[in-house]
Amino acid sequence: MERVEIPMPFTPREHKILSLVASGCTNPVIAERLVVVLKTVEFHVHNILGKTGAKNRFEAVEYARSRGFLPPSEWDSNILWSE
């Protein structure tokens, strides 16, 4: 069976913000790291939630991980390797 590549639904900036969300960063921390205002981060997080159909940040990260847009978490990797 041939693997079908799913196109990335996120802009490069949304993907970076989603990666930071996945690492546990809050919106203010993300704004500081990316040198943008808080409203910009909130705007991108809102778009990410809309694109994923997620109700919260956790669901958005899980959506992205399950489709290969983000790598598995450290916790997921530990589970896989310990079995």
Protein backbone atom coordinates (compact mmCIF):
# COMPACT_ATOMS: atom_id res chain seq x y z
CA MET A 1 0.00 0.00 0.00
CA GLU A 2 1.40 3.37 -1.02
CA ARG A 3 1.79 6.03 1.65
CA VAL A 4 -0.17 9.18 0.90
CA GLU A 5 1.49 12.43 1.94
CA ILE A 6 -0.87 14.81 3.73
CA PRO A 7 -0.12 18.46 2.92
CA MET A 8 0.88 20.63 5.86
CA PRO A 9 -2.23 22.61 6.89
CA PHE A 10 -0.26 25.14 8.91
CA THR A 11 1.74 28.16 7.83
CA PRO A 12 5.42 28.09 8.86
CA ARG A 13 4.65 30.52 11.71
CA GLU A 14 1.67 28.48 12.91
CA HIS A 15 3.82 25.35 12.83
CA LYS A 16 6.52 27.06 14.94
CA ILE A 17 3.93 28.26 17.44
CA LEU A 18 2.33 24.81 17.57
CA SER A 19 5.77 23.31 18.26
CA LEU A 20 6.25 25.74 21.13
CA VAL A 21 2.76 24.98 22.46
CA ALA A 22 3.63 21.27 22.32
CA SER A 23 6.77 21.93 24.35
CA GLY A 24 4.61 23.50 27.07
CA CYS A 25 5.13 27.19 26.37
CA THR A 26 2.42 29.65 27.29
CA ASN A 27 1.31 32.39 24.91
CA PRO A 28 3.36 35.08 26.72
CA VAL A 29 6.49 32.90 26.58
CA ILE A 30 5.92 32.20 22.87
CA ALA A 31 5.51 35.93 22.20
CA GLU A 32 8.77 36.66 24.01
CA ARG A 33 10.70 33.92 22.18
CA LEU A 34 9.43 34.95 18.76
CA VAL A 35 9.68 38.68 19.54
CA VAL A 36 6.05 39.40 18.68
CA VAL A 37 3.16 40.86 20.64
CA LEU A 38 0.87 38.57 22.61
CA LYS A 39 -2.09 39.32 20.31
CA THR A 40 -0.13 37.88 17.36
CA VAL A 41 0.40 34.59 19.19
CA GLU A 42 -3.27 34.51 20.22
CA PHE A 43 -4.26 35.09 16.58
CA HIS A 44 -2.12 32.17 15.39
CA VAL A 45 -3.31 29.85 18.18
CA HIS A 46 -6.90 30.72 17.23
CA ASN A 47 -6.15 29.80 13.59
CA ILE A 48 -4.50 26.54 14.67
CA LEU A 49 -7.54 25.58 16.73
CA GLY A 50 -9.78 26.36 13.76
CA LYS A 51 -7.69 24.32 11.32
CA THR A 52 -7.55 21.31 13.63
CA GLY A 53 -11.12 21.53 14.90
CA ALA A 54 -9.64 21.33 18.39
CA LYS A 55 -11.34 22.74 21.47
CA ASN A 56 -8.05 23.43 23.22
CA ARG A 57 -4.26 23.48 22.85
CA PHE A 58 -3.86 19.87 23.97
CA GLU A 59 -6.25 18.62 21.28
CA ALA A 60 -4.47 20.70 18.63
CA VAL A 61 -1.11 19.19 19.57
CA GLU A 62 -2.54 15.66 19.56
CA TYR A 63 -4.10 16.30 16.13
CA ALA A 64 -0.75 17.46 14.75
CA ARG A 65 1.19 14.59 16.31
CA SER A 66 -1.25 11.94 15.12
CA ARG A 67 -0.87 13.18 11.53
CA GLY A 68 2.89 13.50 11.63
CA PHE A 69 3.01 17.31 11.62
CA LEU A 70 4.81 17.24 14.98
CA PRO A 71 7.13 14.55 16.33
CA PRO A 72 5.86 12.29 19.12
CA SER A 73 6.33 13.66 22.60
CA GLU A 74 9.12 12.47 24.90
CA TRP A 75 6.43 10.73 26.91
CA ASP A 76 5.13 8.90 23.82
CA SER A 77 8.67 7.84 22.89
CA ASN A 78 9.29 6.48 26.37
CA ILE A 79 6.11 4.42 26.18
CA LEU A 80 7.07 3.01 22.77
CA TRP A 81 10.59 2.07 23.86
CA SER A 82 9.61 0.57 27.20
CA GLU A 83 7.15 -1.96 25.79
